[in-house]
Amino acid sequence: MTSPEREPHPTEDATRAVGEAPVGEDPTAGQPRRSGLRNPERAVRGLGAGTLGLEALVLLLAIQPIRVVGGDLGGAAIGAVVALAVAAVVLAGMMRRHWAWNAGTVLQGLLLLGGLLHWSLLGLGIIFALVWAYALHVRRVILG
C-alpha cells in the first residue's frame, strides 16, 4: 500500500519567509557560504584595527624596557618605533579603505626591518607579522 503524497498545509507556505527555499531544497545552493555574522565586513575591519592598535600599544610600551634591558637603543631607533606606532594607529583608523590592509602588511615588513636597529624589534616584528598573517587569513575566510 502506497501512501499518498502529503498535501502542504495552507499555513505552511504562508509562514515561510520571503525567498526561503521550499522544504527539501538546499537554500544555500549556488550562494557563497555565510559567516553567520550580522556585518562580516565590519567584524573584519574591527579585527584589523584591533590588531594594529595592539601593535601600536606594544611598540610604545616596549621602548623603555628595551632601553633598560637591551641597551643601545638610540634616538633613531626610538624615533622609528614611535613612527611605526603612529602609522599603526593611523592605519587602524583607515581600515575602511581597501588599501589599508596592504599598508598594514607593509607596516609589518617595516617593523621587521627595524630589527636592523635593534634585535628586539625583529622579535616584535616576527610576532606581529604572524598575528597580521592570521588576521589576513580570517579576512579571506570570512569575506571570501
Protein backbone atom coordinates (compact mmCIF):
# COMPACT_ATOMS: atom_id res chain seq x y z
CA MET A 1 0.00 0.00 0.00
CA THR A 2 1.47 3.27 -1.02
CA SER A 3 0.88 6.38 0.98
CA PRO A 4 -0.47 9.38 -0.85
CA GLU A 5 1.78 12.39 -1.07
CA ARG A 6 1.22 14.79 1.74
CA GLU A 7 -0.51 17.99 0.79
CA PRO A 8 1.13 21.09 2.29
CA HIS A 9 -0.90 22.72 4.97
CA PRO A 10 -2.30 26.11 3.84
CA THR A 11 -0.40 28.00 6.56
CA GLU A 12 2.88 26.22 5.82
CA ASP A 13 3.57 28.32 2.73
CA ALA A 14 2.37 31.49 4.47
CA THR A 15 4.77 31.11 7.41
CA ARG A 16 7.77 30.60 5.20
CA ALA A 17 9.89 33.75 4.84
CA VAL A 18 10.05 35.51 1.53
CA GLY A 19 12.82 33.99 -0.57
CA GLU A 20 13.16 30.96 1.68
CA ALA A 21 13.66 27.69 -0.15
CA PRO A 22 10.83 25.14 -0.08
CA VAL A 23 11.21 22.16 2.22
CA GLY A 24 13.62 19.63 0.77
CA GLU A 25 15.63 22.12 -1.29
CA ASP A 26 19.04 23.41 -0.27
CA PRO A 27 18.64 27.15 0.47
CA THR A 28 22.37 27.78 0.01
CA ALA A 29 22.72 26.12 -3.38
CA GLY A 30 24.65 28.42 -5.67
CA GLN A 31 25.26 31.04 -2.97
CA PRO A 32 28.51 31.83 -1.15
CA ARG A 33 28.79 30.42 2.36
CA ARG A 34 27.57 32.85 5.02
CA SER A 35 29.75 33.53 8.03
CA GLY A 36 26.86 33.92 10.46
CA LEU A 37 27.95 37.45 11.36
CA ARG A 38 25.48 40.30 11.04
CA ASN A 39 28.04 42.51 9.33
CA PRO A 40 31.11 40.49 8.28
CA GLU A 41 32.91 43.48 6.75
CA ARG A 42 32.64 45.43 9.99
CA ALA A 43 33.85 42.46 12.03
CA VAL A 44 36.89 42.02 9.82
CA ARG A 45 37.66 45.76 9.95
CA GLY A 46 37.47 45.54 13.74
CA LEU A 47 39.91 42.65 13.73
CA GLY A 48 42.40 44.59 11.59
CA ALA A 49 42.01 47.79 13.61
CA GLY A 50 42.35 45.91 16.89
CA THR A 51 45.49 44.17 15.69
CA LEU A 52 47.10 47.42 14.60
CA GLY A 53 46.03 49.22 17.77
CA LEU A 54 47.52 46.48 19.92
CA GLU A 55 50.70 46.62 17.88
CA ALA A 56 50.98 50.38 18.41
CA LEU A 57 50.47 49.99 22.16
CA VAL A 58 53.08 47.25 22.45
CA LEU A 59 55.60 49.23 20.41
CA LEU A 60 55.23 52.30 22.61
CA LEU A 61 55.35 50.29 25.83
CA ALA A 62 58.42 48.37 24.65
CA ILE A 63 60.66 51.42 24.32
CA GLN A 64 61.69 51.73 27.96
CA PRO A 65 62.26 48.01 28.68
CA ILE A 66 64.36 47.75 25.53
CA ARG A 67 66.45 50.72 26.65
CA VAL A 68 66.92 49.32 30.16
CA VAL A 69 67.48 45.64 29.40
CA GLY A 70 68.73 45.60 25.84
CA GLY A 71 70.77 48.78 25.96
CA ASP A 72 71.94 50.79 22.96
CA LEU A 73 68.53 51.84 21.67
CA GLY A 74 69.50 55.13 20.09
CA GLY A 75 67.43 58.14 19.16
CA ALA A 76 66.98 56.90 15.58
CA ALA A 77 65.59 53.59 16.79
CA ILE A 78 63.22 55.28 19.26
CA GLY A 79 62.07 57.63 16.50
CA ALA A 80 61.46 54.66 14.19
CA VAL A 81 59.44 52.86 16.86
CA VAL A 82 57.31 55.94 17.54
CA ALA A 83 56.80 56.49 13.79
CA LEU A 84 55.71 52.86 13.34
CA ALA A 85 53.32 53.16 16.29
CA VAL A 86 51.79 56.35 14.87
CA ALA A 87 51.47 54.71 11.46
CA ALA A 88 49.73 51.71 13.07
CA VAL A 89 47.21 53.99 14.81
CA VAL A 90 46.52 55.91 11.60
CA LEU A 91 46.03 52.67 9.66
CA ALA A 92 43.75 51.32 12.38
CA GLY A 93 41.50 54.30 11.76
CA MET A 94 41.63 53.80 7.99
CA MET A 95 40.57 50.14 7.88
CA ARG A 96 37.50 51.01 5.78
CA ARG A 97 39.82 51.64 2.87
CA HIS A 98 40.80 48.57 0.88
CA TRP A 99 44.42 49.71 0.60
CA ALA A 100 44.80 49.86 4.39
CA TRP A 101 45.18 46.07 4.50
CA ASN A 102 48.10 46.26 2.08
CA ALA A 103 49.59 49.18 4.02
CA GLY A 104 49.30 47.11 7.21
CA THR A 105 51.30 44.37 5.53
CA VAL A 106 53.96 46.91 4.55
CA LEU A 107 53.99 48.14 8.16
CA GLN A 108 54.81 44.61 9.33
CA GLY A 109 57.70 44.50 6.86
CA LEU A 110 59.00 47.83 8.13
CA LEU A 111 58.88 46.55 11.70
CA LEU A 112 60.86 43.51 10.62
CA LEU A 113 63.41 45.86 9.04
CA GLY A 114 63.54 47.63 12.40
CA GLY A 115 65.44 44.56 13.51
CA LEU A 116 68.46 46.18 11.87
CA LEU A 117 68.27 48.91 14.53
CA HIS A 118 67.75 46.54 17.47
CA TRP A 119 67.28 42.78 17.70
CA SER A 120 64.18 43.09 19.91
CA LEU A 121 62.38 44.97 17.13
CA LEU A 122 62.96 41.94 14.93
CA GLY A 123 61.34 39.77 17.61
CA LEU A 124 58.33 42.07 17.81
CA GLY A 125 58.21 42.17 14.02
CA ILE A 126 58.04 38.39 13.78
CA ILE A 127 55.30 38.17 16.39
CA PHE A 128 53.15 40.86 14.81
CA ALA A 129 53.79 39.61 11.28
CA LEU A 130 52.35 36.25 12.36
CA VAL A 131 49.36 37.94 14.03
CA TRP A 132 48.77 40.04 10.91
CA ALA A 133 49.02 36.96 8.70
CA TYR A 134 46.33 35.33 10.84
CA ALA A 135 44.13 38.44 10.55
CA LEU A 136 44.52 38.31 6.76
CA HIS A 137 43.61 34.62 6.82
CA VAL A 138 40.46 35.31 8.87
CA ARG A 139 39.57 38.14 6.47
CA ARG A 140 39.94 35.82 3.49
CA VAL A 141 37.84 33.09 5.12
CA ILE A 142 35.02 35.40 6.22
CA LEU A 143 34.82 37.66 3.18
CA GLY A 144 35.76 35.05 0.60
